[in-house]
Amino acid sequence: VIPNQLQGRALSLLSTVMGLAGPVGLALAAPLGEWLGVRGLFVAAGV
């Protein structure tokens, strides 16, 4: 879909979107993991 001369920018934007989502998820997971336990966190996240 993406023209090659724009792929670096468009693909890095996807990395940015996912990269920002990852740390946010980890920041939320730290307190949730202490509350739910690591096992409960896995189940909730997977579903």
All heavy atoms as atom14 arrays in JSON, in Angstrom:
{
  "sequence": "VIPNQLQGRALSLLSTVMGLAGPVGLALAAPLGEWLGVRGLFVAAGV",
  "atom14_mask": [
    [1, 1, 1, 1, 1, 1, 1, 0, 0, 0, 0, 0, 0, 0],
    [1, 1, 1, 1, 1, 1, 1, 1, 0, 0, 0, 0, 0, 0],
    [1, 1, 1, 1, 1, 1, 1, 0, 0, 0, 0, 0, 0, 0],
    [1, 1, 1, 1, 1, 1, 1, 1, 0, 0, 0, 0, 0, 0],
    [1, 1, 1, 1, 1, 1, 1, 1, 1, 0, 0, 0, 0, 0],
    [1, 1, 1, 1, 1, 1, 1, 1, 0, 0, 0, 0, 0, 0],
    [1, 1, 1, 1, 1, 1, 1, 1, 1, 0, 0, 0, 0, 0],
    [1, 1, 1, 1, 0, 0, 0, 0, 0, 0, 0, 0, 0, 0],
    [1, 1, 1, 1, 1, 1, 1, 1, 1, 1, 1, 0, 0, 0],
    [1, 1, 1, 1, 1, 0, 0, 0, 0, 0, 0, 0, 0, 0],
    [1, 1, 1, 1, 1, 1, 1, 1, 0, 0, 0, 0, 0, 0],
    [1, 1, 1, 1, 1, 1, 0, 0, 0, 0, 0, 0, 0, 0],
    [1, 1, 1, 1, 1, 1, 1, 1, 0, 0, 0, 0, 0, 0],
    [1, 1, 1, 1, 1, 1, 1, 1, 0, 0, 0, 0, 0, 0],
    [1, 1, 1, 1, 1, 1, 0, 0, 0, 0, 0, 0, 0, 0],
    [1, 1, 1, 1, 1, 1, 1, 0, 0, 0, 0, 0, 0, 0],
    [1, 1, 1, 1, 1, 1, 1, 0, 0, 0, 0, 0, 0, 0],
    [1, 1, 1, 1, 1, 1, 1, 1, 0, 0, 0, 0, 0, 0],
    [1, 1, 1, 1, 0, 0, 0, 0, 0, 0, 0, 0, 0, 0],
    [1, 1, 1, 1, 1, 1, 1, 1, 0, 0, 0, 0, 0, 0],
    [1, 1, 1, 1, 1, 0, 0, 0, 0, 0, 0, 0, 0, 0],
    [1, 1, 1, 1, 0, 0, 0, 0, 0, 0, 0, 0, 0, 0],
    [1, 1, 1, 1, 1, 1, 1, 0, 0, 0, 0, 0, 0, 0],
    [1, 1, 1, 1, 1, 1, 1, 0, 0, 0, 0, 0, 0, 0],
    [1, 1, 1, 1, 0, 0, 0, 0, 0, 0, 0, 0, 0, 0],
    [1, 1, 1, 1, 1, 1, 1, 1, 0, 0, 0, 0, 0, 0],
    [1, 1, 1, 1, 1, 0, 0, 0, 0, 0, 0, 0, 0, 0],
    [1, 1, 1, 1, 1, 1, 1, 1, 0, 0, 0, 0, 0, 0],
    [1, 1, 1, 1, 1, 0, 0, 0, 0, 0, 0, 0, 0, 0],
    [1, 1, 1, 1, 1, 0, 0, 0, 0, 0, 0, 0, 0, 0],
    [1, 1, 1, 1, 1, 1, 1, 0, 0, 0, 0, 0, 0, 0],
    [1, 1, 1, 1, 1, 1, 1, 1, 0, 0, 0, 0, 0, 0],
    [1, 1, 1, 1, 0, 0, 0, 0, 0, 0, 0, 0, 0, 0],
    [1, 1, 1, 1, 1, 1, 1, 1, 1, 0, 0, 0, 0, 0],
    [1, 1, 1, 1, 1, 1, 1, 1, 1, 1, 1, 1, 1, 1],
    [1, 1, 1, 1, 1, 1, 1, 1, 0, 0, 0, 0, 0, 0],
    [1, 1, 1, 1, 0, 0, 0, 0, 0, 0, 0, 0, 0, 0],
    [1, 1, 1, 1, 1, 1, 1, 0, 0, 0, 0, 0, 0, 0],
    [1, 1, 1, 1, 1, 1, 1, 1, 1, 1, 1, 0, 0, 0],
    [1, 1, 1, 1, 0, 0, 0, 0, 0, 0, 0, 0, 0, 0],
    [1, 1, 1, 1, 1, 1, 1, 1, 0, 0, 0, 0, 0, 0],
    [1, 1, 1, 1, 1, 1, 1, 1, 1, 1, 1, 0, 0, 0],
    [1, 1, 1, 1, 1, 1, 1, 0, 0, 0, 0, 0, 0, 0],
    [1, 1, 1, 1, 1, 0, 0, 0, 0, 0, 0, 0, 0, 0],
    [1, 1, 1, 1, 1, 0, 0, 0, 0, 0, 0, 0, 0, 0],
    [1, 1, 1, 1, 0, 0, 0, 0, 0, 0, 0, 0, 0, 0],
    [1, 1, 1, 1, 1, 1, 1, 0, 0, 0, 0, 0, 0, 0]
  ],
  "atom14_positions": [
    [[0.82, -1.21, 0.0], [0.0, 0.0, 0.0], [0.86, 1.27, 0.0], [0.54, 2.24, -0.68], [-0.94, 0.0, 1.23], [-1.69, 1.32, 1.34], [-1.93, -1.16, 1.13], [0.0, 0.0, 0.0], [0.0, 0.0, 0.0], [0.0, 0.0, 0.0], [0.0, 0.0, 0.0], [0.0, 0.0, 0.0], [0.0, 0.0, 0.0], [0.0, 0.0, 0.0]],
    [[1.96, 1.26, 0.74], [2.73, 2.48, 0.96], [3.83, 2.61, -0.09], [4.62, 1.68, -0.28], [3.38, 2.46, 2.36], [2.29, 2.33, 3.44], [4.2, 3.72, 2.6], [2.84, 2.03, 4.82], [0.0, 0.0, 0.0], [0.0, 0.0, 0.0], [0.0, 0.0, 0.0], [0.0, 0.0, 0.0], [0.0, 0.0, 0.0], [0.0, 0.0, 0.0]],
    [[3.92, 3.72, -0.8], [5.02, 3.93, -1.76], [6.37, 3.8, -1.06], [6.53, 4.26, 0.07], [4.79, 5.37, -2.25], [3.35, 5.65, -1.98], [3.0, 4.88, -0.75], [0.0, 0.0, 0.0], [0.0, 0.0, 0.0], [0.0, 0.0, 0.0], [0.0, 0.0, 0.0], [0.0, 0.0, 0.0], [0.0, 0.0, 0.0], [0.0, 0.0, 0.0]],
    [[7.34, 3.19, -1.75], [8.6, 2.89, -1.07], [9.3, 4.14, -0.56], [9.92, 4.1, 0.5], [9.53, 2.11, -2.0], [10.79, 1.66, -1.29], [11.81, 2.32, -1.36], [10.7, 0.54, -0.56], [0.0, 0.0, 0.0], [0.0, 0.0, 0.0], [0.0, 0.0, 0.0], [0.0, 0.0, 0.0], [0.0, 0.0, 0.0], [0.0, 0.0, 0.0]],
    [[9.22, 5.24, -1.31], [9.91, 6.45, -0.88], [9.27, 7.08, 0.36], [9.81, 8.02, 0.94], [9.98, 7.49, -2.01], [8.63, 8.05, -2.44], [7.95, 7.21, -3.5], [8.33, 6.06, -3.7], [6.99, 7.79, -4.19], [0.0, 0.0, 0.0], [0.0, 0.0, 0.0], [0.0, 0.0, 0.0], [0.0, 0.0, 0.0], [0.0, 0.0, 0.0]],
    [[8.11, 6.55, 0.78], [7.45, 7.0, 2.0], [7.43, 5.93, 3.08], [6.93, 6.15, 4.18], [6.01, 7.44, 1.71], [5.83, 8.73, 0.9], [4.37, 8.91, 0.52], [6.33, 9.93, 1.68], [0.0, 0.0, 0.0], [0.0, 0.0, 0.0], [0.0, 0.0, 0.0], [0.0, 0.0, 0.0], [0.0, 0.0, 0.0], [0.0, 0.0, 0.0]],
    [[7.95, 4.75, 2.76], [7.83, 3.62, 3.69], [8.57, 3.87, 5.0], [8.11, 3.48, 6.07], [8.32, 2.33, 3.03], [7.3, 1.72, 2.1], [7.73, 0.37, 1.57], [8.64, -0.26, 2.1], [7.08, -0.09, 0.52], [0.0, 0.0, 0.0], [0.0, 0.0, 0.0], [0.0, 0.0, 0.0], [0.0, 0.0, 0.0], [0.0, 0.0, 0.0]],
    [[9.75, 4.49, 4.93], [10.5, 4.74, 6.16], [9.68, 5.54, 7.15], [9.59, 5.21, 8.33], [0.0, 0.0, 0.0], [0.0, 0.0, 0.0], [0.0, 0.0, 0.0], [0.0, 0.0, 0.0], [0.0, 0.0, 0.0], [0.0, 0.0, 0.0], [0.0, 0.0, 0.0], [0.0, 0.0, 0.0], [0.0, 0.0, 0.0], [0.0, 0.0, 0.0]],
    [[9.02, 6.61, 6.64], [8.23, 7.47, 7.51], [6.95, 6.78, 7.99], [6.61, 6.83, 9.17], [7.89, 8.76, 6.77], [9.02, 9.76, 6.73], [8.81, 10.81, 5.65], [9.2, 10.3, 4.34], [9.12, 11.01, 3.22], [8.66, 12.24, 3.25], [9.51, 10.5, 2.08], [0.0, 0.0, 0.0], [0.0, 0.0, 0.0], [0.0, 0.0, 0.0]],
    [[6.26, 6.12, 7.05], [4.98, 5.5, 7.42], [5.19, 4.31, 8.35], [4.44, 4.12, 9.31], [4.23, 5.06, 6.16], [0.0, 0.0, 0.0], [0.0, 0.0, 0.0], [0.0, 0.0, 0.0], [0.0, 0.0, 0.0], [0.0, 0.0, 0.0], [0.0, 0.0, 0.0], [0.0, 0.0, 0.0], [0.0, 0.0, 0.0], [0.0, 0.0, 0.0]],
    [[6.22, 3.5, 8.09], [6.48, 2.36, 8.96], [7.0, 2.8, 10.32], [6.68, 2.19, 11.34], [7.47, 1.41, 8.29], [6.96, 0.7, 7.02], [8.07, -0.15, 6.41], [5.74, -0.14, 7.3], [0.0, 0.0, 0.0], [0.0, 0.0, 0.0], [0.0, 0.0, 0.0], [0.0, 0.0, 0.0], [0.0, 0.0, 0.0], [0.0, 0.0, 0.0]],
    [[7.8, 3.88, 10.34], [8.27, 4.37, 11.63], [7.13, 4.97, 12.44], [7.13, 4.93, 13.67], [9.38, 5.41, 11.45], [8.86, 6.61, 10.91], [0.0, 0.0, 0.0], [0.0, 0.0, 0.0], [0.0, 0.0, 0.0], [0.0, 0.0, 0.0], [0.0, 0.0, 0.0], [0.0, 0.0, 0.0], [0.0, 0.0, 0.0], [0.0, 0.0, 0.0]],
    [[6.12, 5.52, 11.74], [4.95, 6.03, 12.45], [4.22, 4.89, 13.15], [3.75, 5.03, 14.29], [4.02, 6.76, 11.48], [2.75, 7.35, 12.1], [3.09, 8.38, 13.16], [1.87, 7.97, 11.02], [0.0, 0.0, 0.0], [0.0, 0.0, 0.0], [0.0, 0.0, 0.0], [0.0, 0.0, 0.0], [0.0, 0.0, 0.0], [0.0, 0.0, 0.0]],
    [[4.13, 3.73, 12.47], [3.52, 2.57, 13.11], [4.34, 2.14, 14.32], [3.79, 1.82, 15.38], [3.42, 1.41, 12.11], [2.83, 0.1, 12.66], [1.42, 0.3, 13.18], [2.86, -0.99, 11.59], [0.0, 0.0, 0.0], [0.0, 0.0, 0.0], [0.0, 0.0, 0.0], [0.0, 0.0, 0.0], [0.0, 0.0, 0.0], [0.0, 0.0, 0.0]],
    [[5.67, 2.16, 14.17], [6.53, 1.84, 15.31], [6.32, 2.83, 16.46], [6.34, 2.46, 17.63], [8.0, 1.84, 14.88], [8.25, 0.86, 13.91], [0.0, 0.0, 0.0], [0.0, 0.0, 0.0], [0.0, 0.0, 0.0], [0.0, 0.0, 0.0], [0.0, 0.0, 0.0], [0.0, 0.0, 0.0], [0.0, 0.0, 0.0], [0.0, 0.0, 0.0]],
    [[6.11, 4.1, 16.1], [5.89, 5.12, 17.13], [4.57, 4.88, 17.85], [4.49, 4.93, 19.09], [5.88, 6.52, 16.49], [7.16, 6.78, 15.94], [5.55, 7.58, 17.53], [0.0, 0.0, 0.0], [0.0, 0.0, 0.0], [0.0, 0.0, 0.0], [0.0, 0.0, 0.0], [0.0, 0.0, 0.0], [0.0, 0.0, 0.0], [0.0, 0.0, 0.0]],
    [[3.52, 4.61, 17.08], [2.21, 4.36, 17.67], [2.27, 3.15, 18.61], [1.8, 3.19, 19.76], [1.16, 4.15, 16.56], [-0.16, 3.63, 17.15], [0.91, 5.44, 15.8], [0.0, 0.0, 0.0], [0.0, 0.0, 0.0], [0.0, 0.0, 0.0], [0.0, 0.0, 0.0], [0.0, 0.0, 0.0], [0.0, 0.0, 0.0], [0.0, 0.0, 0.0]],
    [[2.88, 2.07, 18.13], [2.98, 0.87, 18.95], [3.97, 1.06, 20.09], [3.79, 0.54, 21.2], [3.4, -0.31, 18.07], [2.35, -0.67, 17.02], [2.93, -1.86, 15.78], [3.16, -3.31, 16.79], [0.0, 0.0, 0.0], [0.0, 0.0, 0.0], [0.0, 0.0, 0.0], [0.0, 0.0, 0.0], [0.0, 0.0, 0.0], [0.0, 0.0, 0.0]],
    [[5.05, 1.84, 19.81], [6.03, 2.08, 20.84], [5.5, 2.91, 21.99], [5.88, 2.71, 23.14], [0.0, 0.0, 0.0], [0.0, 0.0, 0.0], [0.0, 0.0, 0.0], [0.0, 0.0, 0.0], [0.0, 0.0, 0.0], [0.0, 0.0, 0.0], [0.0, 0.0, 0.0], [0.0, 0.0, 0.0], [0.0, 0.0, 0.0], [0.0, 0.0, 0.0]],
    [[4.62, 3.85, 21.7], [4.0, 4.63, 22.77], [2.95, 3.8, 23.51], [2.79, 3.94, 24.73], [3.35, 5.89, 22.2], [4.32, 6.99, 21.74], [3.56, 8.12, 21.06], [5.12, 7.53, 22.93], [0.0, 0.0, 0.0], [0.0, 0.0, 0.0], [0.0, 0.0, 0.0], [0.0, 0.0, 0.0], [0.0, 0.0, 0.0], [0.0, 0.0, 0.0]],
    [[2.25, 2.94, 22.77], [1.25, 2.08, 23.41], [1.91, 1.1, 24.37], [1.38, 0.82, 25.45], [0.45, 1.32, 22.35], [0.0, 0.0, 0.0], [0.0, 0.0, 0.0], [0.0, 0.0, 0.0], [0.0, 0.0, 0.0], [0.0, 0.0, 0.0], [0.0, 0.0, 0.0], [0.0, 0.0, 0.0], [0.0, 0.0, 0.0], [0.0, 0.0, 0.0]],
    [[3.1, 0.57, 24.0], [3.78, -0.39, 24.84], [4.13, 0.14, 26.22], [3.78, -0.46, 27.24], [0.0, 0.0, 0.0], [0.0, 0.0, 0.0], [0.0, 0.0, 0.0], [0.0, 0.0, 0.0], [0.0, 0.0, 0.0], [0.0, 0.0, 0.0], [0.0, 0.0, 0.0], [0.0, 0.0, 0.0], [0.0, 0.0, 0.0], [0.0, 0.0, 0.0]],
    [[4.85, 1.29, 26.31], [5.17, 1.84, 27.64], [3.94, 2.2, 28.45], [3.93, 2.04, 29.67], [5.99, 3.09, 27.3], [6.6, 2.8, 25.99], [5.58, 1.99, 25.25], [0.0, 0.0, 0.0], [0.0, 0.0, 0.0], [0.0, 0.0, 0.0], [0.0, 0.0, 0.0], [0.0, 0.0, 0.0], [0.0, 0.0, 0.0], [0.0, 0.0, 0.0]],
    [[2.89, 2.7, 27.79], [1.66, 3.0, 28.52], [1.1, 1.72, 29.13], [0.68, 1.69, 30.3], [0.62, 3.67, 27.6], [-0.73, 3.79, 28.31], [1.1, 5.06, 27.18], [0.0, 0.0, 0.0], [0.0, 0.0, 0.0], [0.0, 0.0, 0.0], [0.0, 0.0, 0.0], [0.0, 0.0, 0.0], [0.0, 0.0, 0.0], [0.0, 0.0, 0.0]],
    [[1.09, 0.64, 28.33], [0.61, -0.63, 28.84], [1.45, -1.14, 30.0], [0.92, -1.66, 30.99], [0.0, 0.0, 0.0], [0.0, 0.0, 0.0], [0.0, 0.0, 0.0], [0.0, 0.0, 0.0], [0.0, 0.0, 0.0], [0.0, 0.0, 0.0], [0.0, 0.0, 0.0], [0.0, 0.0, 0.0], [0.0, 0.0, 0.0], [0.0, 0.0, 0.0]],
    [[2.77, -0.98, 29.88], [3.64, -1.41, 30.97], [3.44, -0.57, 32.23], [3.48, -1.09, 33.35], [5.1, -1.33, 30.51], [5.55, -2.45, 29.57], [6.87, -2.09, 28.91], [5.66, -3.77, 30.31], [0.0, 0.0, 0.0], [0.0, 0.0, 0.0], [0.0, 0.0, 0.0], [0.0, 0.0, 0.0], [0.0, 0.0, 0.0], [0.0, 0.0, 0.0]],
    [[3.22, 0.73, 32.05], [2.98, 1.6, 33.2], [1.7, 1.2, 33.92], [1.62, 1.23, 35.16], [2.91, 3.06, 32.75], [0.0, 0.0, 0.0], [0.0, 0.0, 0.0], [0.0, 0.0, 0.0], [0.0, 0.0, 0.0], [0.0, 0.0, 0.0], [0.0, 0.0, 0.0], [0.0, 0.0, 0.0], [0.0, 0.0, 0.0], [0.0, 0.0, 0.0]],
    [[0.67, 0.82, 33.15], [-0.57, 0.36, 33.75], [-0.41, -1.04, 34.37], [-1.06, -1.36, 35.37], [-1.69, 0.33, 32.7], [-2.11, 1.68, 32.13], [-3.1, 1.49, 30.99], [-2.73, 2.57, 33.21], [0.0, 0.0, 0.0], [0.0, 0.0, 0.0], [0.0, 0.0, 0.0], [0.0, 0.0, 0.0], [0.0, 0.0, 0.0], [0.0, 0.0, 0.0]],
    [[0.46, -1.84, 33.75], [0.6, -3.22, 34.21], [1.28, -3.31, 35.56], [1.01, -4.24, 36.33], [1.4, -4.03, 33.18], [0.0, 0.0, 0.0], [0.0, 0.0, 0.0], [0.0, 0.0, 0.0], [0.0, 0.0, 0.0], [0.0, 0.0, 0.0], [0.0, 0.0, 0.0], [0.0, 0.0, 0.0], [0.0, 0.0, 0.0], [0.0, 0.0, 0.0]],
    [[2.17, -2.36, 35.87], [2.91, -2.44, 37.14], [1.96, -2.46, 38.34], [2.0, -3.39, 39.17], [3.91, -1.3, 37.23], [0.0, 0.0, 0.0], [0.0, 0.0, 0.0], [0.0, 0.0, 0.0], [0.0, 0.0, 0.0], [0.0, 0.0, 0.0], [0.0, 0.0, 0.0], [0.0, 0.0, 0.0], [0.0, 0.0, 0.0], [0.0, 0.0, 0.0]],
    [[1.04, -1.48, 38.49], [0.12, -1.55, 39.63], [-0.91, -2.67, 39.48], [-1.29, -3.31, 40.47], [-0.56, -0.17, 39.63], [-0.4, 0.35, 38.24], [0.88, -0.21, 37.74], [0.0, 0.0, 0.0], [0.0, 0.0, 0.0], [0.0, 0.0, 0.0], [0.0, 0.0, 0.0], [0.0, 0.0, 0.0], [0.0, 0.0, 0.0], [0.0, 0.0, 0.0]],
    [[-1.38, -2.92, 38.25], [-2.36, -3.99, 38.05], [-1.75, -5.35, 38.38], [-2.43, -6.23, 38.92], [-2.88, -3.98, 36.61], [-3.86, -2.86, 36.25], [-4.2, -2.92, 34.77], [-5.12, -2.96, 37.09], [0.0, 0.0, 0.0], [0.0, 0.0, 0.0], [0.0, 0.0, 0.0], [0.0, 0.0, 0.0], [0.0, 0.0, 0.0], [0.0, 0.0, 0.0]],
    [[-0.46, -5.51, 38.04], [0.2, -6.78, 38.33], [0.33, -7.03, 39.82], [0.21, -8.17, 40.28], [0.0, 0.0, 0.0], [0.0, 0.0, 0.0], [0.0, 0.0, 0.0], [0.0, 0.0, 0.0], [0.0, 0.0, 0.0], [0.0, 0.0, 0.0], [0.0, 0.0, 0.0], [0.0, 0.0, 0.0], [0.0, 0.0, 0.0], [0.0, 0.0, 0.0]],
    [[0.56, -5.96, 40.58], [0.63, -6.12, 42.03], [-0.73, -6.47, 42.61], [-0.83, -7.16, 43.63], [1.15, -4.82, 42.66], [2.53, -4.38, 42.17], [3.64, -5.34, 42.58], [3.41, -6.16, 43.47], [4.74, -5.25, 41.98], [0.0, 0.0, 0.0], [0.0, 0.0, 0.0], [0.0, 0.0, 0.0], [0.0, 0.0, 0.0], [0.0, 0.0, 0.0]],
    [[-1.8, -6.0, 41.97], [-3.16, -6.23, 42.46], [-3.71, -7.58, 41.99], [-4.2, -8.39, 42.79], [-4.06, -5.09, 41.99], [-5.5, -5.25, 42.4], [-5.98, -5.55, 43.62], [-6.65, -5.11, 41.54], [-7.36, -5.61, 43.6], [-7.79, -5.33, 42.33], [-6.81, -4.8, 40.2], [-9.09, -5.28, 41.81], [-8.1, -4.74, 39.68], [-9.22, -4.97, 40.48]],
    [[-3.61, -7.83, 40.67], [-4.16, -9.07, 40.1], [-3.2, -10.24, 40.22], [-3.62, -11.39, 40.14], [-4.49, -8.86, 38.62], [-5.59, -7.87, 38.26], [-5.68, -7.71, 36.74], [-6.94, -8.32, 38.82], [0.0, 0.0, 0.0], [0.0, 0.0, 0.0], [0.0, 0.0, 0.0], [0.0, 0.0, 0.0], [0.0, 0.0, 0.0], [0.0, 0.0, 0.0]],
    [[-1.92, -9.95, 40.38], [-0.92, -11.0, 40.28], [-0.51, -11.17, 38.83], [-1.28, -10.83, 37.91], [0.0, 0.0, 0.0], [0.0, 0.0, 0.0], [0.0, 0.0, 0.0], [0.0, 0.0, 0.0], [0.0, 0.0, 0.0], [0.0, 0.0, 0.0], [0.0, 0.0, 0.0], [0.0, 0.0, 0.0], [0.0, 0.0, 0.0], [0.0, 0.0, 0.0]],
    [[0.67, -11.7, 38.62], [1.15, -11.81, 37.25], [0.28, -12.74, 36.42], [0.05, -12.52, 35.23], [2.63, -12.28, 37.26], [2.77, -13.7, 37.78], [3.22, -12.18, 35.85], [0.0, 0.0, 0.0], [0.0, 0.0, 0.0], [0.0, 0.0, 0.0], [0.0, 0.0, 0.0], [0.0, 0.0, 0.0], [0.0, 0.0, 0.0], [0.0, 0.0, 0.0]],
    [[-0.28, -13.78, 37.05], [-1.13, -14.71, 36.31], [-2.44, -14.05, 35.87], [-2.87, -14.18, 34.71], [-1.43, -15.93, 37.19], [-2.07, -17.08, 36.44], [-2.39, -18.21, 37.4], [-2.93, -19.37, 36.72], [-3.61, -20.33, 37.32], [-3.79, -20.28, 38.65], [-4.08, -21.35, 36.64], [0.0, 0.0, 0.0], [0.0, 0.0, 0.0], [0.0, 0.0, 0.0]],
    [[-3.08, -13.32, 36.78], [-4.31, -12.63, 36.42], [-4.08, -11.58, 35.36], [-4.94, -11.36, 34.49], [0.0, 0.0, 0.0], [0.0, 0.0, 0.0], [0.0, 0.0, 0.0], [0.0, 0.0, 0.0], [0.0, 0.0, 0.0], [0.0, 0.0, 0.0], [0.0, 0.0, 0.0], [0.0, 0.0, 0.0], [0.0, 0.0, 0.0], [0.0, 0.0, 0.0]],
    [[-2.93, -10.93, 35.4], [-2.61, -9.93, 34.39], [-2.51, -10.57, 33.02], [-3.0, -10.0, 32.02], [-1.28, -9.25, 34.75], [-0.84, -8.1, 33.85], [-1.83, -6.94, 33.93], [0.55, -7.63, 34.25], [0.0, 0.0, 0.0], [0.0, 0.0, 0.0], [0.0, 0.0, 0.0], [0.0, 0.0, 0.0], [0.0, 0.0, 0.0], [0.0, 0.0, 0.0]],
    [[-1.89, -11.74, 32.91], [-1.78, -12.43, 31.63], [-3.17, -12.76, 31.06], [-3.42, -12.58, 29.87], [-0.98, -13.73, 31.8], [0.49, -13.58, 31.51], [1.3, -12.8, 32.32], [1.05, -14.22, 30.44], [2.65, -12.66, 32.06], [2.4, -14.1, 30.16], [3.21, -13.31, 30.98], [0.0, 0.0, 0.0], [0.0, 0.0, 0.0], [0.0, 0.0, 0.0]],
    [[-4.05, -13.28, 31.9], [-5.39, -13.68, 31.45], [-6.17, -12.47, 30.95], [-6.75, -12.48, 29.85], [-6.15, -14.4, 32.57], [-7.59, -14.68, 32.14], [-5.45, -15.71, 32.95], [0.0, 0.0, 0.0], [0.0, 0.0, 0.0], [0.0, 0.0, 0.0], [0.0, 0.0, 0.0], [0.0, 0.0, 0.0], [0.0, 0.0, 0.0], [0.0, 0.0, 0.0]],
    [[-6.18, -11.41, 31.74], [-6.92, -10.21, 31.34], [-6.36, -9.61, 30.07], [-7.12, -9.23, 29.16], [-6.87, -9.19, 32.48], [0.0, 0.0, 0.0], [0.0, 0.0, 0.0], [0.0, 0.0, 0.0], [0.0, 0.0, 0.0], [0.0, 0.0, 0.0], [0.0, 0.0, 0.0], [0.0, 0.0, 0.0], [0.0, 0.0, 0.0], [0.0, 0.0, 0.0]],
    [[-5.05, -9.53, 29.97], [-4.43, -8.94, 28.79], [-4.72, -9.77, 27.55], [-5.0, -9.23, 26.46], [-2.93, -8.8, 29.0], [0.0, 0.0, 0.0], [0.0, 0.0, 0.0], [0.0, 0.0, 0.0], [0.0, 0.0, 0.0], [0.0, 0.0, 0.0], [0.0, 0.0, 0.0], [0.0, 0.0, 0.0], [0.0, 0.0, 0.0], [0.0, 0.0, 0.0]],
    [[-4.62, -11.1, 27.65], [-4.86, -11.95, 26.49], [-6.27, -11.83, 25.95], [-6.48, -11.71, 24.74], [0.0, 0.0, 0.0], [0.0, 0.0, 0.0], [0.0, 0.0, 0.0], [0.0, 0.0, 0.0], [0.0, 0.0, 0.0], [0.0, 0.0, 0.0], [0.0, 0.0, 0.0], [0.0, 0.0, 0.0], [0.0, 0.0, 0.0], [0.0, 0.0, 0.0]],
    [[-7.26, -11.82, 26.85], [-8.66, -11.75, 26.4], [-8.97, -10.38, 25.81], [-9.57, -10.27, 24.73], [-9.6, -12.05, 27.58], [-11.06, -11.79, 27.17], [-9.43, -13.5, 28.04], [0.0, 0.0, 0.0], [0.0, 0.0, 0.0], [0.0, 0.0, 0.0], [0.0, 0.0, 0.0], [0.0, 0.0, 0.0], [0.0, 0.0, 0.0], [0.0, 0.0, 0.0]]
  ]
}
